[in-house]
């Protein structure tokens, strides 16, 4: 297999590259390093079966030789980035998706889209199934990401239906694990960083909003099962275990052994109040079930962040 991974220096992308190498694949990593971290792929620099190209996938690119599959994971995914680099976020979902699909059409390759639970917006249906159309504010502060991903799904199925491109679409729910950015801005690195530093954990709103946290190993297993299936409709990948943000904050404090307190800040605009995926499609189509408990995933993630803080990076 010869694979292209956009966003291959990112948190999930770099783990996917490692997994693909473990399957014997040759991999081209495409990343502009706007949020990707070079340390995530430093161990791959000397690998003769990995090519690393610094490039923004939202600008045209080509690949010499055959390509079997393109994994499009390039996009900032943190609300902090939505405010910092919104145009880049929009381009990642729109222009970059087009460029990847065009490459797939030329090469006869399969296209994998890393989509998101954010396509459901602040949902009115619980749990969220793939048939739910969503409740999204198209002009709100999260719109650059939410609508870019919705567009990416639309253009993917259009290339499927009118160009014959094989597509696979996964909607991720709050994926976490080692290699996330320390200053990412999402709840997992935020809480762990604050707890390890002995700072108060900042909870936005009353903390009763819920999330379902999926560990990266389980998500990559789901990706692999999906791309090796023939299923071309969106599939939720997450965990059915739903927790409030306040309960998650207490879990992080306990797991780190921190003495941190919890402080409440004003609620974020358009912050989804409930995230709970219906994963019955993944269960039935892919025979996929998450295997990693939150306690195990948190332990490994905390160990990673502790090593980053200790190194002073």
C-alpha atoms as a PDB file:
ATOM      1  CA  UNK A   1       0.000   0.000   0.000  1.00  0.00           C
ATOM      2  CA  UNK A   2       1.147   3.533  -0.759  1.00  0.00           C
ATOM      3  CA  UNK A   3      -0.667   6.146   1.319  1.00  0.00           C
ATOM      4  CA  UNK A   4      -0.755   9.929   1.549  1.00  0.00           C
ATOM      5  CA  UNK A   5      -1.578  11.409   4.963  1.00  0.00           C
ATOM      6  CA  UNK A   6      -2.377  15.119   5.075  1.00  0.00           C
ATOM      7  CA  UNK A   7      -1.858  16.512   8.552  1.00  0.00           C
ATOM      8  CA  UNK A   8       0.551  13.637   9.137  1.00  0.00           C
ATOM      9  CA  UNK A   9       2.543  15.551  11.770  1.00  0.00           C
ATOM     10  CA  UNK A  10      -0.556  16.234  13.842  1.00  0.00           C
ATOM     11  CA  UNK A  11      -1.725  14.358  16.899  1.00  0.00           C
ATOM     12  CA  UNK A  12      -3.896  11.738  15.221  1.00  0.00           C
ATOM     13  CA  UNK A  13      -2.155  11.921  11.847  1.00  0.00           C
ATOM     14  CA  UNK A  14       1.239  10.968  13.255  1.00  0.00           C
ATOM     15  CA  UNK A  15      -0.249   7.975  15.087  1.00  0.00           C
ATOM     16  CA  UNK A  16      -1.938   6.928  11.855  1.00  0.00           C
ATOM     17  CA  UNK A  17       1.384   7.123   9.994  1.00  0.00           C
ATOM     18  CA  UNK A  18       2.971   4.871  12.636  1.00  0.00           C
ATOM     19  CA  UNK A  19       0.099   2.423  12.276  1.00  0.00           C
ATOM     20  CA  UNK A  20       0.368   2.383   8.475  1.00  0.00           C
ATOM     21  CA  UNK A  21       4.084   1.718   8.680  1.00  0.00           C
ATOM     22  CA  UNK A  22       3.292  -1.175  10.983  1.00  0.00           C
ATOM     23  CA  UNK A  23       1.101  -2.531   8.189  1.00  0.00           C
ATOM     24  CA  UNK A  24       4.017  -2.282   5.764  1.00  0.00           C
ATOM     25  CA  UNK A  25       2.723   0.743   3.879  1.00  0.00           C
ATOM     26  CA  UNK A  26       4.835   3.418   2.232  1.00  0.00           C
ATOM     27  CA  UNK A  27       3.663   6.817   3.430  1.00  0.00           C
ATOM     28  CA  UNK A  28       3.885  10.375   2.157  1.00  0.00           C
ATOM     29  CA  UNK A  29       3.327  12.811   5.025  1.00  0.00           C
ATOM     30  CA  UNK A  30       1.965  16.190   3.936  1.00  0.00           C
ATOM     31  CA  UNK A  31       1.888  18.910   6.587  1.00  0.00           C
ATOM     32  CA  UNK A  32       2.383  22.683   6.688  1.00  0.00           C
ATOM     33  CA  UNK A  33       3.192  22.496  10.441  1.00  0.00           C
ATOM     34  CA  UNK A  34       0.754  25.255  11.323  1.00  0.00           C
ATOM     35  CA  UNK A  35      -0.513  23.000  14.118  1.00  0.00           C
ATOM     36  CA  UNK A  36       1.416  19.782  13.404  1.00  0.00           C
ATOM     37  CA  UNK A  37       4.499  19.164  15.537  1.00  0.00           C
ATOM     38  CA  UNK A  38       7.821  18.059  14.109  1.00  0.00           C
ATOM     39  CA  UNK A  39       8.566  16.048  17.238  1.00  0.00           C
ATOM     40  CA  UNK A  40       5.562  13.835  16.432  1.00  0.00           C
ATOM     41  CA  UNK A  41       7.323  12.516  13.327  1.00  0.00           C
ATOM     42  CA  UNK A  42      10.995  12.984  14.269  1.00  0.00           C
ATOM     43  CA  UNK A  43      11.389   9.211  14.584  1.00  0.00           C
ATOM     44  CA  UNK A  44      10.273   8.807  10.957  1.00  0.00           C
ATOM     45  CA  UNK A  45      12.824  11.112   9.342  1.00  0.00           C
ATOM     46  CA  UNK A  46      15.311   8.289   8.694  1.00  0.00           C
ATOM     47  CA  UNK A  47      12.658   5.782   7.605  1.00  0.00           C
ATOM     48  CA  UNK A  48      13.230   5.104   3.875  1.00  0.00           C
ATOM     49  CA  UNK A  49       9.553   4.199   3.467  1.00  0.00           C
ATOM     50  CA  UNK A  50       8.326   7.570   4.741  1.00  0.00           C
ATOM     51  CA  UNK A  51       8.553  10.804   2.778  1.00  0.00           C
ATOM     52  CA  UNK A  52       7.870  14.047   4.612  1.00  0.00           C
ATOM     53  CA  UNK A  53       6.822  17.031   2.521  1.00  0.00           C
ATOM     54  CA  UNK A  54       6.168  20.444   4.044  1.00  0.00           C
ATOM     55  CA  UNK A  55       3.168  21.660   2.104  1.00  0.00           C
ATOM     56  CA  UNK A  56      -0.270  23.167   2.690  1.00  0.00           C
ATOM     57  CA  UNK A  57      -2.753  20.724   1.133  1.00  0.00           C
ATOM     58  CA  UNK A  58      -5.153  23.579   0.399  1.00  0.00           C
ATOM     59  CA  UNK A  59      -2.767  24.550  -2.410  1.00  0.00           C
ATOM     60  CA  UNK A  60      -2.433  22.222  -5.430  1.00  0.00           C
ATOM     61  CA  UNK A  61      -0.054  19.285  -5.163  1.00  0.00           C
ATOM     62  CA  UNK A  62       0.735  16.085  -6.996  1.00  0.00           C
ATOM     63  CA  UNK A  63       2.424  12.817  -6.125  1.00  0.00           C
ATOM     64  CA  UNK A  64       4.732  10.858  -8.400  1.00  0.00           C
ATOM     65  CA  UNK A  65       3.941   7.202  -8.840  1.00  0.00           C
ATOM     66  CA  UNK A  66       0.969   5.183  -7.636  1.00  0.00           C
ATOM     67  CA  UNK A  67      -1.241   6.120  -4.691  1.00  0.00           C
ATOM     68  CA  UNK A  68      -3.668   3.646  -3.135  1.00  0.00           C
ATOM     69  CA  UNK A  69      -5.306   5.808  -0.477  1.00  0.00           C
ATOM     70  CA  UNK A  70      -5.353   9.417   0.689  1.00  0.00           C
ATOM     71  CA  UNK A  71      -6.121  10.082   4.351  1.00  0.00           C
ATOM     72  CA  UNK A  72      -7.226  13.713   4.741  1.00  0.00           C
ATOM     73  CA  UNK A  73      -6.609  14.666   8.373  1.00  0.00           C
ATOM     74  CA  UNK A  74      -5.273  18.192   7.791  1.00  0.00           C
ATOM     75  CA  UNK A  75      -7.199  20.729   9.839  1.00  0.00           C
ATOM     76  CA  UNK A  76      -6.880  22.568  13.104  1.00  0.00           C
ATOM     77  CA  UNK A  77      -9.550  21.179  15.443  1.00  0.00           C
ATOM     78  CA  UNK A  78      -9.388  23.411  18.522  1.00  0.00           C
ATOM     79  CA  UNK A  79     -11.761  26.317  19.232  1.00  0.00           C
ATOM     80  CA  UNK A  80      -8.669  28.353  20.082  1.00  0.00           C
ATOM     81  CA  UNK A  81      -7.501  27.832  16.490  1.00  0.00           C
ATOM     82  CA  UNK A  82     -10.902  28.756  15.080  1.00  0.00           C
ATOM     83  CA  UNK A  83     -10.313  32.266  16.411  1.00  0.00           C
ATOM     84  CA  UNK A  84      -6.594  32.337  15.532  1.00  0.00           C
ATOM     85  CA  UNK A  85      -6.522  30.882  12.005  1.00  0.00           C
ATOM     86  CA  UNK A  86     -10.132  30.691  10.733  1.00  0.00           C
ATOM     87  CA  UNK A  87      -9.240  31.154   7.055  1.00  0.00           C
ATOM     88  CA  UNK A  88      -6.764  28.274   7.209  1.00  0.00           C
ATOM     89  CA  UNK A  89      -9.425  26.118   8.880  1.00  0.00           C
ATOM     90  CA  UNK A  90     -11.885  26.920   6.098  1.00  0.00           C
ATOM     91  CA  UNK A  91      -9.294  26.164   3.421  1.00  0.00           C
ATOM     92  CA  UNK A  92      -8.450  22.811   5.016  1.00  0.00           C
ATOM     93  CA  UNK A  93     -12.050  21.695   4.725  1.00  0.00           C
ATOM     94  CA  UNK A  94     -12.677  23.132   1.271  1.00  0.00           C
ATOM     95  CA  UNK A  95      -9.688  23.587  -1.052  1.00  0.00           C
ATOM     96  CA  UNK A  96      -7.624  20.827   0.584  1.00  0.00           C
ATOM     97  CA  UNK A  97     -10.498  18.364   0.316  1.00  0.00           C
ATOM     98  CA  UNK A  98     -10.885  19.197  -3.375  1.00  0.00           C
ATOM     99  CA  UNK A  99      -7.158  18.726  -3.966  1.00  0.00           C
ATOM    100  CA  UNK A 100      -7.143  15.352  -2.225  1.00  0.00           C
ATOM    101  CA  UNK A 101     -10.183  14.165  -4.154  1.00  0.00           C
ATOM    102  CA  UNK A 102      -8.673  15.329  -7.438  1.00  0.00           C
ATOM    103  CA  UNK A 103      -5.543  13.324  -6.610  1.00  0.00           C
ATOM    104  CA  UNK A 104      -7.680  10.281  -5.833  1.00  0.00           C
ATOM    105  CA  UNK A 105      -9.516  10.630  -9.132  1.00  0.00           C
ATOM    106  CA  UNK A 106      -6.237  10.834 -11.067  1.00  0.00           C
ATOM    107  CA  UNK A 107      -4.666   7.891  -9.237  1.00  0.00           C
ATOM    108  CA  UNK A 108      -7.719   5.681  -8.791  1.00  0.00           C
ATOM    109  CA  UNK A 109      -7.158   5.929  -5.030  1.00  0.00           C
ATOM    110  CA  UNK A 110      -9.571   5.654  -2.111  1.00  0.00           C
ATOM    111  CA  UNK A 111     -10.284   8.855  -0.177  1.00  0.00           C
ATOM    112  CA  UNK A 112     -10.645   8.903   3.616  1.00  0.00           C
ATOM    113  CA  UNK A 113     -12.110  12.021   5.232  1.00  0.00           C
ATOM    114  CA  UNK A 114     -11.549  12.764   8.901  1.00  0.00           C
ATOM    115  CA  UNK A 115     -14.833  14.453   9.723  1.00  0.00           C
ATOM    116  CA  UNK A 116     -16.165  15.371  13.132  1.00  0.00           C
ATOM    117  CA  UNK A 117     -19.079  15.335  15.542  1.00  0.00           C
ATOM    118  CA  UNK A 118     -19.122  19.101  15.026  1.00  0.00           C
ATOM    119  CA  UNK A 119     -21.188  18.514  11.876  1.00  0.00           C
ATOM    120  CA  UNK A 120     -24.056  17.942  14.332  1.00  0.00           C
ATOM    121  CA  UNK A 121     -23.518  21.370  15.934  1.00  0.00           C
ATOM    122  CA  UNK A 122     -25.279  21.821  19.260  1.00  0.00           C
ATOM    123  CA  UNK A 123     -27.507  18.798  18.713  1.00  0.00           C
ATOM    124  CA  UNK A 124     -31.177  18.459  19.490  1.00  0.00           C
ATOM    125  CA  UNK A 125     -31.009  14.669  19.099  1.00  0.00           C
ATOM    126  CA  UNK A 126     -29.345  12.395  21.675  1.00  0.00           C
ATOM    127  CA  UNK A 127     -27.436  10.258  21.074  1.00  0.00           C
ATOM    128  CA  UNK A 128     -26.347  11.565  17.682  1.00  0.00           C
ATOM    129  CA  UNK A 129     -26.764   9.086  14.822  1.00  0.00           C
ATOM    130  CA  UNK A 130     -25.328   9.503  11.336  1.00  0.00           C
ATOM    131  CA  UNK A 131     -28.819  10.191   9.970  1.00  0.00           C
ATOM    132  CA  UNK A 132     -29.160  13.337  12.099  1.00  0.00           C
ATOM    133  CA  UNK A 133     -28.707  16.485   9.971  1.00  0.00           C
ATOM    134  CA  UNK A 134     -27.495  18.691  12.780  1.00  0.00           C
ATOM    135  CA  UNK A 135     -28.217  22.020  14.456  1.00  0.00           C
ATOM    136  CA  UNK A 136     -25.378  24.270  13.334  1.00  0.00           C
ATOM    137  CA  UNK A 137     -24.898  28.037  13.484  1.00  0.00           C
ATOM    138  CA  UNK A 138     -23.421  28.902  10.089  1.00  0.00           C
ATOM    139  CA  UNK A 139     -22.309  32.389  11.209  1.00  0.00           C
ATOM    140  CA  UNK A 140     -21.068  31.645  14.742  1.00  0.00           C
ATOM    141  CA  UNK A 141     -17.497  31.515  16.100  1.00  0.00           C
ATOM    142  CA  UNK A 142     -17.216  27.767  15.370  1.00  0.00           C
ATOM    143  CA  UNK A 143     -18.654  28.029  11.859  1.00  0.00           C
ATOM    144  CA  UNK A 144     -15.279  28.023  10.097  1.00  0.00           C
ATOM    145  CA  UNK A 145     -14.724  24.467  11.345  1.00  0.00           C
ATOM    146  CA  UNK A 146     -18.278  23.112  11.516  1.00  0.00           C
ATOM    147  CA  UNK A 147     -19.262  24.279   8.058  1.00  0.00           C
ATOM    148  CA  UNK A 148     -15.908  23.425   6.482  1.00  0.00           C
ATOM    149  CA  UNK A 149     -16.333  19.828   7.642  1.00  0.00           C
ATOM    150  CA  UNK A 150     -19.943  19.726   6.454  1.00  0.00           C
ATOM    151  CA  UNK A 151     -18.772  21.013   3.088  1.00  0.00           C
ATOM    152  CA  UNK A 152     -15.955  18.461   3.025  1.00  0.00           C
ATOM    153  CA  UNK A 153     -18.500  15.679   3.467  1.00  0.00           C
ATOM    154  CA  UNK A 154     -20.680  17.145   0.710  1.00  0.00           C
ATOM    155  CA  UNK A 155     -17.849  17.402  -1.814  1.00  0.00           C
ATOM    156  CA  UNK A 156     -16.665  13.900  -0.903  1.00  0.00           C
ATOM    157  CA  UNK A 157     -20.002  12.259  -1.674  1.00  0.00           C
ATOM    158  CA  UNK A 158     -20.294  14.382  -4.821  1.00  0.00           C
ATOM    159  CA  UNK A 159     -16.980  13.008  -6.102  1.00  0.00           C
ATOM    160  CA  UNK A 160     -18.215   9.559  -5.093  1.00  0.00           C
ATOM    161  CA  UNK A 161     -21.481   9.891  -6.991  1.00  0.00           C
ATOM    162  CA  UNK A 162     -20.284  11.816 -10.047  1.00  0.00           C
ATOM    163  CA  UNK A 163     -16.582  10.952 -10.391  1.00  0.00           C
ATOM    164  CA  UNK A 164     -16.569   7.392  -9.118  1.00  0.00           C
ATOM    165  CA  UNK A 165     -14.094   8.035  -6.278  1.00  0.00           C
ATOM    166  CA  UNK A 166     -14.254   5.520  -3.431  1.00  0.00           C
ATOM    167  CA  UNK A 167     -14.794   7.518  -0.220  1.00  0.00           C
ATOM    168  CA  UNK A 168     -14.779   6.692   3.477  1.00  0.00           C
ATOM    169  CA  UNK A 169     -16.040   9.239   6.025  1.00  0.00           C
ATOM    170  CA  UNK A 170     -15.475   8.983   9.783  1.00  0.00           C
ATOM    171  CA  UNK A 171     -16.974  11.426  12.273  1.00  0.00           C
ATOM    172  CA  UNK A 172     -14.715  11.611  15.320  1.00  0.00           C
ATOM    173  CA  UNK A 173     -15.979  12.450  18.803  1.00  0.00           C
ATOM    174  CA  UNK A 174     -13.442  14.179  21.094  1.00  0.00           C
ATOM    175  CA  UNK A 175     -10.433  12.061  20.246  1.00  0.00           C
ATOM    176  CA  UNK A 176      -7.503  12.407  22.661  1.00  0.00           C
ATOM    177  CA  UNK A 177      -4.141  10.899  23.565  1.00  0.00           C
ATOM    178  CA  UNK A 178      -0.381  11.450  23.522  1.00  0.00           C
ATOM    179  CA  UNK A 179       1.028  13.925  20.973  1.00  0.00           C
ATOM    180  CA  UNK A 180      -1.717  16.485  21.427  1.00  0.00           C
ATOM    181  CA  UNK A 181      -0.327  19.999  21.669  1.00  0.00           C
ATOM    182  CA  UNK A 182       0.250  21.201  25.208  1.00  0.00           C
ATOM    183  CA  UNK A 183      -1.375  24.544  24.385  1.00  0.00           C
ATOM    184  CA  UNK A 184      -3.983  23.019  22.083  1.00  0.00           C
ATOM    185  CA  UNK A 185      -6.917  24.699  23.788  1.00  0.00           C
ATOM    186  CA  UNK A 186      -9.214  21.667  23.877  1.00  0.00           C
ATOM    187  CA  UNK A 187     -10.469  20.307  27.150  1.00  0.00           C
ATOM    188  CA  UNK A 188      -8.144  17.283  27.534  1.00  0.00           C
ATOM    189  CA  UNK A 189      -4.787  19.092  27.160  1.00  0.00           C
ATOM    190  CA  UNK A 190      -6.153  22.137  28.970  1.00  0.00           C
ATOM    191  CA  UNK A 191      -7.170  20.195  32.065  1.00  0.00           C
ATOM    192  CA  UNK A 192      -4.079  17.993  32.134  1.00  0.00           C
ATOM    193  CA  UNK A 193      -1.706  20.936  31.677  1.00  0.00           C
ATOM    194  CA  UNK A 194      -3.429  22.920  34.418  1.00  0.00           C
ATOM    195  CA  UNK A 195      -3.534  19.958  36.805  1.00  0.00           C
ATOM    196  CA  UNK A 196       0.146  19.116  36.307  1.00  0.00           C
ATOM    197  CA  UNK A 197       1.086  22.733  36.950  1.00  0.00           C
ATOM    198  CA  UNK A 198      -1.130  22.939  40.016  1.00  0.00           C
ATOM    199  CA  UNK A 199      -3.286  25.613  38.405  1.00  0.00           C
ATOM    200  CA  UNK A 200      -7.075  25.812  38.711  1.00  0.00           C
ATOM    201  CA  UNK A 201      -8.939  23.867  36.042  1.00  0.00           C
ATOM    202  CA  UNK A 202     -11.085  26.235  33.993  1.00  0.00           C
ATOM    203  CA  UNK A 203     -14.592  24.971  33.296  1.00  0.00           C
ATOM    204  CA  UNK A 204     -16.645  27.061  30.883  1.00  0.00           C
ATOM    205  CA  UNK A 205     -20.246  27.365  31.980  1.00  0.00           C
ATOM    206  CA  UNK A 206     -21.701  25.190  34.723  1.00  0.00           C
ATOM    207  CA  UNK A 207     -19.820  22.076  33.572  1.00  0.00           C
ATOM    208  CA  UNK A 208     -22.948  20.039  32.985  1.00  0.00           C
ATOM    209  CA  UNK A 209     -22.310  19.865  29.227  1.00  0.00           C
ATOM    210  CA  UNK A 210     -21.242  16.370  28.231  1.00  0.00           C
ATOM    211  CA  UNK A 211     -18.540  14.838  26.064  1.00  0.00           C
ATOM    212  CA  UNK A 212     -17.629  11.309  24.970  1.00  0.00           C
ATOM    213  CA  UNK A 213     -13.867  10.850  24.875  1.00  0.00           C
ATOM    214  CA  UNK A 214     -12.406   8.425  22.315  1.00  0.00           C
ATOM    215  CA  UNK A 215      -8.831   7.184  22.718  1.00  0.00           C
ATOM    216  CA  UNK A 216      -6.607   7.469  19.649  1.00  0.00           C
ATOM    217  CA  UNK A 217      -5.804   3.724  19.433  1.00  0.00           C
ATOM    218  CA  UNK A 218      -9.487   2.832  19.263  1.00  0.00           C
ATOM    219  CA  UNK A 219     -10.139   5.530  16.676  1.00  0.00           C
ATOM    220  CA  UNK A 220      -7.292   4.354  14.436  1.00  0.00           C
ATOM    221  CA  UNK A 221      -8.604   0.803  14.684  1.00  0.00           C
ATOM    222  CA  UNK A 222     -11.951   2.155  13.501  1.00  0.00           C
ATOM    223  CA  UNK A 223     -10.315   4.041  10.633  1.00  0.00           C
ATOM    224  CA  UNK A 224      -8.523   0.901   9.482  1.00  0.00           C
ATOM    225  CA  UNK A 225     -11.679  -1.191   9.617  1.00  0.00           C
ATOM    226  CA  UNK A 226     -13.560   1.480   7.687  1.00  0.00           C
ATOM    227  CA  UNK A 227     -11.028   1.853   4.872  1.00  0.00           C
ATOM    228  CA  UNK A 228     -10.910  -1.925   4.500  1.00  0.00           C
ATOM    229  CA  UNK A 229     -14.687  -2.081   4.194  1.00  0.00           C
ATOM    230  CA  UNK A 230     -16.799  -1.113   1.187  1.00  0.00           C
ATOM    231  CA  UNK A 231     -19.037   1.233   3.202  1.00  0.00           C
ATOM    232  CA  UNK A 232     -19.259   4.757   1.748  1.00  0.00           C
ATOM    233  CA  UNK A 233     -21.590   6.565   4.151  1.00  0.00           C
ATOM    234  CA  UNK A 234     -20.474   8.503   7.286  1.00  0.00           C
ATOM    235  CA  UNK A 235     -19.617   6.460  10.386  1.00  0.00           C
ATOM    236  CA  UNK A 236     -19.426   7.779  13.950  1.00  0.00           C
ATOM    237  CA  UNK A 237     -16.261   6.796  15.818  1.00  0.00           C
ATOM    238  CA  UNK A 238     -16.303   7.578  19.519  1.00  0.00           C
ATOM    239  CA  UNK A 239     -17.323   6.064  22.794  1.00  0.00           C
ATOM    240  CA  UNK A 240     -20.800   5.563  24.175  1.00  0.00           C
ATOM    241  CA  UNK A 241     -19.513   6.549  27.640  1.00  0.00           C
ATOM    242  CA  UNK A 242     -20.772  10.091  28.231  1.00  0.00           C
ATOM    243  CA  UNK A 243     -19.395  12.325  31.006  1.00  0.00           C
ATOM    244  CA  UNK A 244     -20.024  15.868  32.119  1.00  0.00           C
ATOM    245  CA  UNK A 245     -17.131  18.285  31.803  1.00  0.00           C
ATOM    246  CA  UNK A 246     -17.232  18.779  35.565  1.00  0.00           C
ATOM    247  CA  UNK A 247     -16.926  15.025  36.180  1.00  0.00           C
ATOM    248  CA  UNK A 248     -14.072  14.887  33.677  1.00  0.00           C
ATOM    249  CA  UNK A 249     -12.271  17.702  35.509  1.00  0.00           C
ATOM    250  CA  UNK A 250     -12.468  15.716  38.754  1.00  0.00           C
ATOM    251  CA  UNK A 251     -11.197  12.603  36.931  1.00  0.00           C
ATOM    252  CA  UNK A 252      -8.133  14.520  35.679  1.00  0.00           C
ATOM    253  CA  UNK A 253      -7.406  15.923  39.148  1.00  0.00           C
ATOM    254  CA  UNK A 254      -7.605  12.421  40.617  1.00  0.00           C
ATOM    255  CA  UNK A 255      -5.480  10.828  37.875  1.00  0.00           C
ATOM    256  CA  UNK A 256      -2.721  13.444  38.161  1.00  0.00           C
ATOM    257  CA  UNK A 257      -2.729  13.524  41.974  1.00  0.00           C
ATOM    258  CA  UNK A 258      -3.108  17.291  41.690  1.00  0.00           C
ATOM    259  CA  UNK A 259      -4.387  19.640  44.365  1.00  0.00           C
ATOM    260  CA  UNK A 260      -5.903  21.912  41.717  1.00  0.00           C
ATOM    261  CA  UNK A 261      -9.244  23.542  42.309  1.00  0.00           C
ATOM    262  CA  UNK A 262     -11.945  24.144  39.692  1.00  0.00           C
ATOM    263  CA  UNK A 263     -12.990  27.614  38.564  1.00  0.00           C
ATOM    264  CA  UNK A 264     -15.938  28.452  36.350  1.00  0.00           C
ATOM    265  CA  UNK A 265     -15.701  30.865  33.436  1.00  0.00           C
ATOM    266  CA  UNK A 266     -18.483  32.224  31.198  1.00  0.00           C
ATOM    267  CA  UNK A 267     -19.868  29.625  28.817  1.00  0.00           C
ATOM    268  CA  UNK A 268     -18.434  29.593  25.297  1.00  0.00           C
ATOM    269  CA  UNK A 269     -20.720  30.675  22.456  1.00  0.00           C
ATOM    270  CA  UNK A 270     -22.340  27.745  20.606  1.00  0.00           C
ATOM    271  CA  UNK A 271     -20.606  25.226  22.861  1.00  0.00           C
ATOM    272  CA  UNK A 272     -22.471  21.919  22.327  1.00  0.00           C
ATOM    273  CA  UNK A 273     -24.365  20.936  25.450  1.00  0.00           C
ATOM    274  CA  UNK A 274     -24.358  17.209  24.789  1.00  0.00           C
ATOM    275  CA  UNK A 275     -22.035  14.919  22.863  1.00  0.00           C
ATOM    276  CA  UNK A 276     -23.040  11.281  22.783  1.00  0.00           C
ATOM    277  CA  UNK A 277     -22.488   9.265  19.610  1.00  0.00           C
ATOM    278  CA  UNK A 278     -24.708   6.478  18.431  1.00  0.00           C
ATOM    279  CA  UNK A 279     -22.013   3.987  17.368  1.00  0.00           C
ATOM    280  CA  UNK A 280     -24.366   1.183  16.364  1.00  0.00           C
ATOM    281  CA  UNK A 281     -23.419   1.649  12.686  1.00  0.00           C
ATOM    282  CA  UNK A 282     -19.727   1.119  13.499  1.00  0.00           C
ATOM    283  CA  UNK A 283     -20.681  -1.861  15.663  1.00  0.00           C
ATOM    284  CA  UNK A 284     -22.729  -3.471  12.892  1.00  0.00           C
ATOM    285  CA  UNK A 285     -20.793  -2.518   9.735  1.00  0.00           C
ATOM    286  CA  UNK A 286     -17.232  -2.650  11.092  1.00  0.00           C
ATOM    287  CA  UNK A 287     -17.585  -4.914  14.134  1.00  0.00           C
ATOM    288  CA  UNK A 288     -15.878  -2.054  15.940  1.00  0.00           C
ATOM    289  CA  UNK A 289     -16.108  -1.314  19.655  1.00  0.00           C
ATOM    290  CA  UNK A 290     -13.905   1.035  21.718  1.00  0.00           C
ATOM    291  CA  UNK A 291     -11.609  -0.957  23.998  1.00  0.00           C
ATOM    292  CA  UNK A 292      -9.787   1.673  26.074  1.00  0.00           C
ATOM    293  CA  UNK A 293     -11.244   2.937  29.339  1.00  0.00           C
ATOM    294  CA  UNK A 294     -11.027   6.632  30.113  1.00  0.00           C
ATOM    295  CA  UNK A 295      -8.834   5.804  33.109  1.00  0.00           C
ATOM    296  CA  UNK A 296      -6.293   3.938  30.954  1.00  0.00           C
ATOM    297  CA  UNK A 297      -6.300   6.554  28.211  1.00  0.00           C
ATOM    298  CA  UNK A 298      -5.914   9.378  30.702  1.00  0.00           C
ATOM    299  CA  UNK A 299      -2.988   7.643  32.392  1.00  0.00           C
ATOM    300  CA  UNK A 300      -1.046   7.332  29.136  1.00  0.00           C
ATOM    301  CA  UNK A 301      -1.922  10.870  28.058  1.00  0.00           C
ATOM    302  CA  UNK A 302      -0.919  12.329  31.419  1.00  0.00           C
ATOM    303  CA  UNK A 303       2.409  10.484  31.267  1.00  0.00           C
ATOM    304  CA  UNK A 304       3.034  12.031  27.852  1.00  0.00           C
ATOM    305  CA  UNK A 305       2.225  15.574  28.967  1.00  0.00           C
ATOM    306  CA  UNK A 306       4.306  15.146  32.102  1.00  0.00           C
ATOM    307  CA  UNK A 307       7.315  14.195  29.950  1.00  0.00           C
ATOM    308  CA  UNK A 308       6.742  17.226  27.701  1.00  0.00           C
ATOM    309  CA  UNK A 309       6.578  19.565  30.686  1.00  0.00           C
ATOM    310  CA  UNK A 310       9.651  17.952  32.270  1.00  0.00           C
ATOM    311  CA  UNK A 311      11.609  18.392  29.024  1.00  0.00           C
ATOM    312  CA  UNK A 312      10.775  22.092  28.908  1.00  0.00           C
ATOM    313  CA  UNK A 313       9.650  21.880  25.281  1.00  0.00           C
END
